[in-house]
């Protein structure tokens, strides 16, 4: 005779509500979503050869987390970027188009 947990046989015994998977927003929306979206919006309009200079002291985000989030978001938009940081600022720019640099 099996002594495992009893199956839940009625809706009144359920602890959690059921939802359709198709109704869920499956996109990533981290706690710094607005910051990253704003950086990417400016980056998309930046001239080739120019970088955005983002003061680290104003952000309240650790450099490693910022770098990771910006690379993840840029990758999902198909943007190839490069980053650099010093003691005060974080720099991000679009990688040059390889076709333009091969000429």
PDB file of N, CA and C in Angstrom:
ATOM      1  N   UNK A   1       0.839  -1.170   0.000  1.00  0.00           N
ATOM      2  CA  UNK A   1       0.000   0.000   0.000  1.00  0.00           C
ATOM      3  C   UNK A   1       0.887   1.237   0.000  1.00  0.00           C
ATOM      4  N   UNK A   2       0.657   2.190  -0.916  1.00  0.00           N
ATOM      5  CA  UNK A   2       1.459   3.409  -1.039  1.00  0.00           C
ATOM      6  C   UNK A   2       1.123   4.373   0.089  1.00  0.00           C
ATOM      7  N   UNK A   3       2.160   5.013   0.640  1.00  0.00           N
ATOM      8  CA  UNK A   3       1.936   5.956   1.727  1.00  0.00           C
ATOM      9  C   UNK A   3       2.383   7.363   1.369  1.00  0.00           C
ATOM     10  N   UNK A   4       2.511   7.674   0.083  1.00  0.00           N
ATOM     11  CA  UNK A   4       2.942   8.997  -0.374  1.00  0.00           C
ATOM     12  C   UNK A   4       1.880  10.047  -0.130  1.00  0.00           C
ATOM     13  N   UNK A   5       2.138  11.275  -0.579  1.00  0.00           N
ATOM     14  CA  UNK A   5       1.167  12.356  -0.380  1.00  0.00           C
ATOM     15  C   UNK A   5      -0.133  12.086  -1.134  1.00  0.00           C
ATOM     16  N   UNK A   6      -1.198  12.533  -0.569  1.00  0.00           N
ATOM     17  CA  UNK A   6      -2.503  12.342  -1.187  1.00  0.00           C
ATOM     18  C   UNK A   6      -2.659  13.309  -2.354  1.00  0.00           C
ATOM     19  N   UNK A   7      -3.219  12.847  -3.457  1.00  0.00           N
ATOM     20  CA  UNK A   7      -3.456  13.756  -4.584  1.00  0.00           C
ATOM     21  C   UNK A   7      -4.539  14.770  -4.231  1.00  0.00           C
ATOM     22  N   UNK A   8      -4.382  15.972  -4.738  1.00  0.00           N
ATOM     23  CA  UNK A   8      -5.405  17.009  -4.519  1.00  0.00           C
ATOM     24  C   UNK A   8      -6.520  16.759  -5.518  1.00  0.00           C
ATOM     25  N   UNK A   9      -7.670  16.497  -5.025  1.00  0.00           N
ATOM     26  CA  UNK A   9      -8.760  16.079  -5.904  1.00  0.00           C
ATOM     27  C   UNK A   9      -9.825  17.133  -6.146  1.00  0.00           C
ATOM     28  N   UNK A  10      -9.682  18.313  -5.560  1.00  0.00           N
ATOM     29  CA  UNK A  10     -10.676  19.344  -5.853  1.00  0.00           C
ATOM     30  C   UNK A  10      -9.997  20.711  -5.918  1.00  0.00           C
ATOM     31  N   UNK A  11     -10.614  21.632  -6.637  1.00  0.00           N
ATOM     32  CA  UNK A  11     -10.072  22.982  -6.800  1.00  0.00           C
ATOM     33  C   UNK A  11      -9.966  23.708  -5.469  1.00  0.00           C
ATOM     34  N   UNK A  12     -10.781  23.380  -4.511  1.00  0.00           N
ATOM     35  CA  UNK A  12     -10.735  24.065  -3.222  1.00  0.00           C
ATOM     36  C   UNK A  12      -9.479  23.706  -2.432  1.00  0.00           C
ATOM     37  N   UNK A  13      -8.824  22.615  -2.761  1.00  0.00           N
ATOM     38  CA  UNK A  13      -7.597  22.208  -2.083  1.00  0.00           C
ATOM     39  C   UNK A  13      -6.348  22.846  -2.683  1.00  0.00           C
ATOM     40  N   UNK A  14      -6.474  23.523  -3.803  1.00  0.00           N
ATOM     41  CA  UNK A  14      -5.312  24.086  -4.475  1.00  0.00           C
ATOM     42  C   UNK A  14      -4.820  25.330  -3.747  1.00  0.00           C
ATOM     43  N   UNK A  15      -3.535  25.419  -3.589  1.00  0.00           N
ATOM     44  CA  UNK A  15      -2.936  26.556  -2.902  1.00  0.00           C
ATOM     45  C   UNK A  15      -2.658  27.718  -3.857  1.00  0.00           C
ATOM     46  N   UNK A  16      -2.349  27.404  -5.114  1.00  0.00           N
ATOM     47  CA  UNK A  16      -1.963  28.441  -6.077  1.00  0.00           C
ATOM     48  C   UNK A  16      -2.947  28.514  -7.233  1.00  0.00           C
ATOM     49  N   UNK A  17      -3.119  29.720  -7.713  1.00  0.00           N
ATOM     50  CA  UNK A  17      -4.016  29.968  -8.837  1.00  0.00           C
ATOM     51  C   UNK A  17      -3.350  29.493 -10.131  1.00  0.00           C
ATOM     52  N   UNK A  18      -4.118  28.974 -11.063  1.00  0.00           N
ATOM     53  CA  UNK A  18      -3.609  28.516 -12.356  1.00  0.00           C
ATOM     54  C   UNK A  18      -3.814  29.623 -13.389  1.00  0.00           C
ATOM     55  N   UNK A  19      -2.809  29.853 -14.234  1.00  0.00           N
ATOM     56  CA  UNK A  19      -2.915  30.836 -15.315  1.00  0.00           C
ATOM     57  C   UNK A  19      -2.396  30.198 -16.596  1.00  0.00           C
ATOM     58  N   UNK A  20      -2.864  30.718 -17.710  1.00  0.00           N
ATOM     59  CA  UNK A  20      -2.412  30.246 -19.008  1.00  0.00           C
ATOM     60  C   UNK A  20      -1.002  30.788 -19.274  1.00  0.00           C
ATOM     61  N   UNK A  21      -0.099  29.949 -19.715  1.00  0.00           N
ATOM     62  CA  UNK A  21       1.271  30.361 -20.014  1.00  0.00           C
ATOM     63  C   UNK A  21       1.287  31.411 -21.113  1.00  0.00           C
ATOM     64  N   UNK A  22       0.381  31.292 -22.064  1.00  0.00           N
ATOM     65  CA  UNK A  22       0.343  32.243 -23.172  1.00  0.00           C
ATOM     66  C   UNK A  22       0.021  33.668 -22.715  1.00  0.00           C
ATOM     67  N   UNK A  23      -0.541  33.834 -21.513  1.00  0.00           N
ATOM     68  CA  UNK A  23      -0.883  35.168 -21.025  1.00  0.00           C
ATOM     69  C   UNK A  23       0.261  35.835 -20.260  1.00  0.00           C
ATOM     70  N   UNK A  24       1.364  35.127 -20.075  1.00  0.00           N
ATOM     71  CA  UNK A  24       2.480  35.660 -19.298  1.00  0.00           C
ATOM     72  C   UNK A  24       3.425  36.489 -20.157  1.00  0.00           C
ATOM     73  N   UNK A  25       3.933  37.576 -19.580  1.00  0.00           N
ATOM     74  CA  UNK A  25       4.964  38.370 -20.235  1.00  0.00           C
ATOM     75  C   UNK A  25       6.286  37.670 -19.976  1.00  0.00           C
ATOM     76  N   UNK A  26       6.899  37.143 -21.020  1.00  0.00           N
ATOM     77  CA  UNK A  26       8.090  36.333 -20.838  1.00  0.00           C
ATOM     78  C   UNK A  26       9.372  37.103 -21.067  1.00  0.00           C
ATOM     79  N   UNK A  27       9.277  38.416 -21.263  1.00  0.00           N
ATOM     80  CA  UNK A  27      10.465  39.233 -21.442  1.00  0.00           C
ATOM     81  C   UNK A  27      11.127  39.523 -20.106  1.00  0.00           C
ATOM     82  N   UNK A  28      12.429  39.754 -20.144  1.00  0.00           N
ATOM     83  CA  UNK A  28      13.155  40.076 -18.925  1.00  0.00           C
ATOM     84  C   UNK A  28      12.973  41.553 -18.618  1.00  0.00           C
ATOM     85  N   UNK A  29      12.622  41.868 -17.400  1.00  0.00           N
ATOM     86  CA  UNK A  29      12.451  43.250 -16.980  1.00  0.00           C
ATOM     87  C   UNK A  29      13.054  43.383 -15.595  1.00  0.00           C
ATOM     88  N   UNK A  30      14.378  43.546 -15.582  1.00  0.00           N
ATOM     89  CA  UNK A  30      15.105  43.643 -14.332  1.00  0.00           C
ATOM     90  C   UNK A  30      14.831  44.957 -13.614  1.00  0.00           C
ATOM     91  N   UNK A  31      15.427  45.089 -12.435  1.00  0.00           N
ATOM     92  CA  UNK A  31      15.142  46.268 -11.621  1.00  0.00           C
ATOM     93  C   UNK A  31      15.735  47.547 -12.192  1.00  0.00           C
ATOM     94  N   UNK A  32      16.650  47.444 -13.143  1.00  0.00           N
ATOM     95  CA  UNK A  32      17.243  48.625 -13.763  1.00  0.00           C
ATOM     96  C   UNK A  32      16.809  48.769 -15.223  1.00  0.00           C
ATOM     97  N   UNK A  33      15.624  48.274 -15.515  1.00  0.00           N
ATOM     98  CA  UNK A  33      15.129  48.256 -16.896  1.00  0.00           C
ATOM     99  C   UNK A  33      15.095  49.655 -17.524  1.00  0.00           C
ATOM    100  N   UNK A  34      14.571  50.638 -16.819  1.00  0.00           N
ATOM    101  CA  UNK A  34      14.450  51.986 -17.380  1.00  0.00           C
ATOM    102  C   UNK A  34      15.830  52.584 -17.668  1.00  0.00           C
ATOM    103  N   UNK A  35      16.776  52.367 -16.764  1.00  0.00           N
ATOM    104  CA  UNK A  35      18.139  52.863 -16.958  1.00  0.00           C
ATOM    105  C   UNK A  35      18.755  52.258 -18.213  1.00  0.00           C
ATOM    106  N   UNK A  36      18.673  50.956 -18.343  1.00  0.00           N
ATOM    107  CA  UNK A  36      19.266  50.265 -19.489  1.00  0.00           C
ATOM    108  C   UNK A  36      18.555  50.649 -20.781  1.00  0.00           C
ATOM    109  N   UNK A  37      17.242  50.753 -20.752  1.00  0.00           N
ATOM    110  CA  UNK A  37      16.487  51.148 -21.944  1.00  0.00           C
ATOM    111  C   UNK A  37      16.884  52.548 -22.391  1.00  0.00           C
ATOM    112  N   UNK A  38      17.077  53.465 -21.436  1.00  0.00           N
ATOM    113  CA  UNK A  38      17.499  54.826 -21.774  1.00  0.00           C
ATOM    114  C   UNK A  38      18.883  54.862 -22.379  1.00  0.00           C
ATOM    115  N   UNK A  39      19.795  54.089 -21.830  1.00  0.00           N
ATOM    116  CA  UNK A  39      21.159  54.025 -22.377  1.00  0.00           C
ATOM    117  C   UNK A  39      21.130  53.480 -23.795  1.00  0.00           C
ATOM    118  N   UNK A  40      20.389  52.399 -24.018  1.00  0.00           N
ATOM    119  CA  UNK A  40      20.322  51.808 -25.363  1.00  0.00           C
ATOM    120  C   UNK A  40      19.668  52.752 -26.363  1.00  0.00           C
ATOM    121  N   UNK A  41      18.650  53.481 -25.945  1.00  0.00           N
ATOM    122  CA  UNK A  41      17.991  54.428 -26.847  1.00  0.00           C
ATOM    123  C   UNK A  41      18.978  55.496 -27.309  1.00  0.00           C
ATOM    124  N   UNK A  42      19.790  56.017 -26.375  1.00  0.00           N
ATOM    125  CA  UNK A  42      20.792  57.013 -26.760  1.00  0.00           C
ATOM    126  C   UNK A  42      21.899  56.389 -27.595  1.00  0.00           C
ATOM    127  N   UNK A  43      22.262  55.173 -27.270  1.00  0.00           N
ATOM    128  CA  UNK A  43      23.334  54.498 -27.997  1.00  0.00           C
ATOM    129  C   UNK A  43      22.949  54.242 -29.450  1.00  0.00           C
ATOM    130  N   UNK A  44      21.691  53.918 -29.683  1.00  0.00           N
ATOM    131  CA  UNK A  44      21.235  53.647 -31.048  1.00  0.00           C
ATOM    132  C   UNK A  44      21.359  54.878 -31.945  1.00  0.00           C
ATOM    133  N   UNK A  45      21.276  56.067 -31.377  1.00  0.00           N
ATOM    134  CA  UNK A  45      21.371  57.287 -32.177  1.00  0.00           C
ATOM    135  C   UNK A  45      22.762  57.920 -32.148  1.00  0.00           C
ATOM    136  N   UNK A  46      23.685  57.316 -31.402  1.00  0.00           N
ATOM    137  CA  UNK A  46      25.043  57.872 -31.299  1.00  0.00           C
ATOM    138  C   UNK A  46      25.782  57.748 -32.627  1.00  0.00           C
ATOM    139  N   UNK A  47      26.589  58.750 -32.901  1.00  0.00           N
ATOM    140  CA  UNK A  47      27.400  58.748 -34.114  1.00  0.00           C
ATOM    141  C   UNK A  47      28.502  57.700 -34.009  1.00  0.00           C
ATOM    142  N   UNK A  48      28.887  57.092 -35.121  1.00  0.00           N
ATOM    143  CA  UNK A  48      30.004  56.145 -35.092  1.00  0.00           C
ATOM    144  C   UNK A  48      31.258  56.833 -34.545  1.00  0.00           C
ATOM    145  N   UNK A  49      31.985  56.128 -33.711  1.00  0.00           N
ATOM    146  CA  UNK A  49      33.200  56.682 -33.139  1.00  0.00           C
ATOM    147  C   UNK A  49      32.993  57.467 -31.864  1.00  0.00           C
ATOM    148  N   UNK A  50      31.750  57.566 -31.393  1.00  0.00           N
ATOM    149  CA  UNK A  50      31.506  58.280 -30.141  1.00  0.00           C
ATOM    150  C   UNK A  50      30.957  57.310 -29.101  1.00  0.00           C
ATOM    151  N   UNK A  51      31.278  57.575 -27.840  1.00  0.00           N
ATOM    152  CA  UNK A  51      30.836  56.735 -26.730  1.00  0.00           C
ATOM    153  C   UNK A  51      29.956  57.544 -25.797  1.00  0.00           C
ATOM    154  N   UNK A  52      29.073  56.869 -25.113  1.00  0.00           N
ATOM    155  CA  UNK A  52      28.303  57.502 -24.051  1.00  0.00           C
ATOM    156  C   UNK A  52      29.146  57.446 -22.785  1.00  0.00           C
ATOM    157  N   UNK A  53      29.242  58.559 -22.084  1.00  0.00           N
ATOM    158  CA  UNK A  53      29.949  58.630 -20.814  1.00  0.00           C
ATOM    159  C   UNK A  53      28.904  58.666 -19.702  1.00  0.00           C
ATOM    160  N   UNK A  54      28.876  57.636 -18.899  1.00  0.00           N
ATOM    161  CA  UNK A  54      27.850  57.486 -17.872  1.00  0.00           C
ATOM    162  C   UNK A  54      28.525  57.564 -16.504  1.00  0.00           C
ATOM    163  N   UNK A  55      28.257  58.606 -15.723  1.00  0.00           N
ATOM    164  CA  UNK A  55      28.875  58.733 -14.394  1.00  0.00           C
ATOM    165  C   UNK A  55      28.420  57.608 -13.457  1.00  0.00           C
ATOM    166  N   UNK A  56      29.357  56.874 -12.917  1.00  0.00           N
ATOM    167  CA  UNK A  56      29.037  55.743 -12.056  1.00  0.00           C
ATOM    168  C   UNK A  56      28.446  56.172 -10.715  1.00  0.00           C
ATOM    169  N   UNK A  57      28.867  57.313 -10.194  1.00  0.00           N
ATOM    170  CA  UNK A  57      28.389  57.759  -8.893  1.00  0.00           C
ATOM    171  C   UNK A  57      26.907  58.066  -8.867  1.00  0.00           C
ATOM    172  N   UNK A  58      26.321  58.401  -9.995  1.00  0.00           N
ATOM    173  CA  UNK A  58      24.909  58.781 -10.069  1.00  0.00           C
ATOM    174  C   UNK A  58      23.962  57.587 -10.207  1.00  0.00           C
ATOM    175  N   UNK A  59      24.498  56.405 -10.483  1.00  0.00           N
ATOM    176  CA  UNK A  59      23.643  55.290 -10.865  1.00  0.00           C
ATOM    177  C   UNK A  59      23.114  54.453  -9.708  1.00  0.00           C
ATOM    178  N   UNK A  60      23.924  54.213  -8.712  1.00  0.00           N
ATOM    179  CA  UNK A  60      23.512  53.317  -7.639  1.00  0.00           C
ATOM    180  C   UNK A  60      23.486  51.864  -8.079  1.00  0.00           C
ATOM    181  N   UNK A  61      24.294  51.532  -9.098  1.00  0.00           N
ATOM    182  CA  UNK A  61      24.384  50.177  -9.632  1.00  0.00           C
ATOM    183  C   UNK A  61      25.858  49.797  -9.645  1.00  0.00           C
ATOM    184  N   UNK A  62      26.168  48.578  -9.253  1.00  0.00           N
ATOM    185  CA  UNK A  62      27.543  48.122  -9.323  1.00  0.00           C
ATOM    186  C   UNK A  62      27.967  47.993 -10.778  1.00  0.00           C
ATOM    187  N   UNK A  63      29.233  48.277 -11.030  1.00  0.00           N
ATOM    188  CA  UNK A  63      29.762  48.257 -12.392  1.00  0.00           C
ATOM    189  C   UNK A  63      29.533  46.906 -13.060  1.00  0.00           C
ATOM    190  N   UNK A  64      29.825  45.813 -12.356  1.00  0.00           N
ATOM    191  CA  UNK A  64      29.662  44.486 -12.951  1.00  0.00           C
ATOM    192  C   UNK A  64      28.207  44.236 -13.357  1.00  0.00           C
ATOM    193  N   UNK A  65      27.265  44.660 -12.518  1.00  0.00           N
ATOM    194  CA  UNK A  65      25.851  44.476 -12.839  1.00  0.00           C
ATOM    195  C   UNK A  65      25.425  45.340 -14.022  1.00  0.00           C
ATOM    196  N   UNK A  66      25.927  46.570 -14.074  1.00  0.00           N
ATOM    197  CA  UNK A  66      25.618  47.465 -15.190  1.00  0.00           C
ATOM    198  C   UNK A  66      26.162  46.903 -16.492  1.00  0.00           C
ATOM    199  N   UNK A  67      27.417  46.491 -16.462  1.00  0.00           N
ATOM    200  CA  UNK A  67      28.049  45.954 -17.674  1.00  0.00           C
ATOM    201  C   UNK A  67      27.294  44.719 -18.159  1.00  0.00           C
ATOM    202  N   UNK A  68      26.955  43.835 -17.262  1.00  0.00           N
ATOM    203  CA  UNK A  68      26.229  42.625 -17.623  1.00  0.00           C
ATOM    204  C   UNK A  68      24.859  42.946 -18.213  1.00  0.00           C
ATOM    205  N   UNK A  69      24.132  43.842 -17.564  1.00  0.00           N
ATOM    206  CA  UNK A  69      22.787  44.201 -18.030  1.00  0.00           C
ATOM    207  C   UNK A  69      22.822  44.871 -19.396  1.00  0.00           C
ATOM    208  N   UNK A  70      23.785  45.763 -19.606  1.00  0.00           N
ATOM    209  CA  UNK A  70      23.844  46.475 -20.890  1.00  0.00           C
ATOM    210  C   UNK A  70      24.242  45.535 -22.022  1.00  0.00           C
ATOM    211  N   UNK A  71      25.155  44.605 -21.756  1.00  0.00           N
ATOM    212  CA  UNK A  71      25.529  43.629 -22.789  1.00  0.00           C
ATOM    213  C   UNK A  71      24.363  42.690 -23.102  1.00  0.00           C
ATOM    214  N   UNK A  72      23.640  42.262 -22.084  1.00  0.00           N
ATOM    215  CA  UNK A  72      22.494  41.374 -22.289  1.00  0.00           C
ATOM    216  C   UNK A  72      21.410  42.072 -23.109  1.00  0.00           C
ATOM    217  N   UNK A  73      21.103  43.316 -22.761  1.00  0.00           N
ATOM    218  CA  UNK A  73      20.060  44.062 -23.472  1.00  0.00           C
ATOM    219  C   UNK A  73      20.479  44.394 -24.899  1.00  0.00           C
ATOM    220  N   UNK A  74      21.733  44.784 -25.075  1.00  0.00           N
ATOM    221  CA  UNK A  74      22.221  45.103 -26.424  1.00  0.00           C
ATOM    222  C   UNK A  74      22.186  43.858 -27.305  1.00  0.00           C
ATOM    223  N   UNK A  75      22.586  42.738 -26.751  1.00  0.00           N
ATOM    224  CA  UNK A  75      22.557  41.490 -27.508  1.00  0.00           C
ATOM    225  C   UNK A  75      21.153  41.114 -27.948  1.00  0.00           C
ATOM    226  N   UNK A  76      20.182  41.350 -27.086  1.00  0.00           N
ATOM    227  CA  UNK A  76      18.802  41.018 -27.455  1.00  0.00           C
ATOM    228  C   UNK A  76      18.271  41.937 -28.550  1.00  0.00           C
ATOM    229  N   UNK A  77      18.867  43.130 -28.686  1.00  0.00           N
ATOM    230  CA  UNK A  77      18.471  44.055 -29.753  1.00  0.00           C
ATOM    231  C   UNK A  77      19.356  43.917 -30.995  1.00  0.00           C
ATOM    232  N   UNK A  78      20.328  43.016 -30.935  1.00  0.00           N
ATOM    233  CA  UNK A  78      21.216  42.811 -32.073  1.00  0.00           C
ATOM    234  C   UNK A  78      22.299  43.864 -32.204  1.00  0.00           C
ATOM    235  N   UNK A  79      22.546  44.626 -31.132  1.00  0.00           N
ATOM    236  CA  UNK A  79      23.607  45.636 -31.144  1.00  0.00           C
ATOM    237  C   UNK A  79      24.908  45.035 -30.645  1.00  0.00           C
ATOM    238  N   UNK A  80      25.981  45.274 -31.365  1.00  0.00           N
ATOM    239  CA  UNK A  80      27.300  44.878 -30.898  1.00  0.00           C
ATOM    240  C   UNK A  80      27.923  46.090 -30.241  1.00  0.00           C
ATOM    241  N   UNK A  81      28.283  45.946 -28.968  1.00  0.00           N
ATOM    242  CA  UNK A  81      28.811  47.081 -28.222  1.00  0.00           C
ATOM    243  C   UNK A  81      30.142  46.731 -27.589  1.00  0.00           C
ATOM    244  N   UNK A  82      30.822  47.768 -27.149  1.00  0.00           N
ATOM    245  CA  UNK A  82      32.025  47.628 -26.342  1.00  0.00           C
ATOM    246  C   UNK A  82      31.863  48.542 -25.140  1.00  0.00           C
ATOM    247  N   UNK A  83      32.514  48.180 -24.037  1.00  0.00           N
ATOM    248  CA  UNK A  83      32.435  48.983 -22.831  1.00  0.00           C
ATOM    249  C   UNK A  83      33.822  49.166 -22.233  1.00  0.00           C
ATOM    250  N   UNK A  84      33.936  50.198 -21.440  1.00  0.00           N
ATOM    251  CA  UNK A  84      35.172  50.517 -20.729  1.00  0.00           C
ATOM    252  C   UNK A  84      34.766  51.302 -19.496  1.00  0.00           C
ATOM    253  N   UNK A  85      35.535  51.191 -18.435  1.00  0.00           N
ATOM    254  CA  UNK A  85      35.224  51.948 -17.221  1.00  0.00           C
ATOM    255  C   UNK A  85      36.508  52.440 -16.584  1.00  0.00           C
ATOM    256  N   UNK A  86      36.415  53.590 -15.932  1.00  0.00           N
ATOM    257  CA  UNK A  86      37.493  54.084 -15.088  1.00  0.00           C
ATOM    258  C   UNK A  86      36.905  54.298 -13.704  1.00  0.00           C
ATOM    259  N   UNK A  87      37.587  55.017 -12.853  1.00  0.00           N
ATOM    260  CA  UNK A  87      37.123  55.193 -11.476  1.00  0.00           C
ATOM    261  C   UNK A  87      35.792  55.928 -11.389  1.00  0.00           C
ATOM    262  N   UNK A  88      35.519  56.811 -12.331  1.00  0.00           N
ATOM    263  CA  UNK A  88      34.345  57.672 -12.238  1.00  0.00           C
ATOM    264  C   UNK A  88      33.252  57.383 -13.259  1.00  0.00           C
ATOM    265  N   UNK A  89      33.611  56.858 -14.410  1.00  0.00           N
ATOM    266  CA  UNK A  89      32.655  56.756 -15.511  1.00  0.00           C
ATOM    267  C   UNK A  89      32.647  55.373 -16.146  1.00  0.00           C
ATOM    268  N   UNK A  90      31.512  55.073 -16.745  1.00  0.00           N
ATOM    269  CA  UNK A  90      31.315  53.875 -17.562  1.00  0.00           C
ATOM    270  C   UNK A  90      31.089  54.366 -18.979  1.00  0.00           C
ATOM    271  N   UNK A  91      31.801  53.798 -19.931  1.00  0.00           N
ATOM    272  CA  UNK A  91      31.692  54.199 -21.333  1.00  0.00           C
ATOM    273  C   UNK A  91      31.146  53.028 -22.138  1.00  0.00           C
ATOM    274  N   UNK A  92      30.247  53.327 -23.043  1.00  0.00           N
ATOM    275  CA  UNK A  92      29.691  52.300 -23.917  1.00  0.00           C
ATOM    276  C   UNK A  92      29.550  52.882 -25.315  1.00  0.00           C
ATOM    277  N   UNK A  93      29.887  52.077 -26.319  1.00  0.00           N
ATOM    278  CA  UNK A  93      29.766  52.518 -27.707  1.00  0.00           C
ATOM    279  C   UNK A  93      29.477  51.321 -28.587  1.00  0.00           C
ATOM    280  N   UNK A  94      28.946  51.622 -29.766  1.00  0.00           N
ATOM    281  CA  UNK A  94      28.661  50.583 -30.742  1.00  0.00           C
ATOM    282  C   UNK A  94      29.968  50.171 -31.400  1.00  0.00           C
ATOM    283  N   UNK A  95      30.106  48.873 -31.630  1.00  0.00           N
ATOM    284  CA  UNK A  95      31.269  48.404 -32.372  1.00  0.00           C
ATOM    285  C   UNK A  95      31.159  48.899 -33.808  1.00  0.00           C
ATOM    286  N   UNK A  96      32.285  49.246 -34.404  1.00  0.00           N
ATOM    287  CA  UNK A  96      32.228  49.676 -35.805  1.00  0.00           C
ATOM    288  C   UNK A  96      31.721  48.542 -36.694  1.00  0.00           C
ATOM    289  N   UNK A  97      31.018  48.926 -37.742  1.00  0.00           N
ATOM    290  CA  UNK A  97      30.539  47.958 -38.714  1.00  0.00           C
ATOM    291  C   UNK A  97      31.754  47.305 -39.361  1.00  0.00           C
ATOM    292  N   UNK A  98      31.838  45.986 -39.296  1.00  0.00           N
ATOM    293  CA  UNK A  98      33.018  45.285 -39.836  1.00  0.00           C
ATOM    294  C   UNK A  98      33.191  45.509 -41.328  1.00  0.00           C
ATOM    295  N   UNK A  99      32.105  45.650 -42.063  1.00  0.00           N
ATOM    296  CA  UNK A  99      32.199  45.882 -43.500  1.00  0.00           C
ATOM    297  C   UNK A  99      32.863  47.218 -43.773  1.00  0.00           C
ATOM    298  N   UNK A 100      32.564  48.229 -42.961  1.00  0.00           N
ATOM    299  CA  UNK A 100      33.140  49.564 -43.153  1.00  0.00           C
ATOM    300  C   UNK A 100      34.622  49.578 -42.788  1.00  0.00           C
ATOM    301  N   UNK A 101      35.030  48.752 -41.800  1.00  0.00           N
ATOM    302  CA  UNK A 101      36.424  48.765 -41.380  1.00  0.00           C
ATOM    303  C   UNK A 101      37.289  47.851 -42.239  1.00  0.00           C
ATOM    304  N   UNK A 102      36.683  46.958 -43.016  1.00  0.00           N
ATOM    305  CA  UNK A 102      37.447  46.057 -43.870  1.00  0.00           C
ATOM    306  C   UNK A 102      37.895  46.706 -45.168  1.00  0.00           C
ATOM    307  N   UNK A 103      37.365  47.881 -45.475  1.00  0.00           N
ATOM    308  CA  UNK A 103      37.670  48.532 -46.756  1.00  0.00           C
ATOM    309  C   UNK A 103      39.025  49.164 -46.745  1.00  0.00           C
TER     310      UNK A 103
END
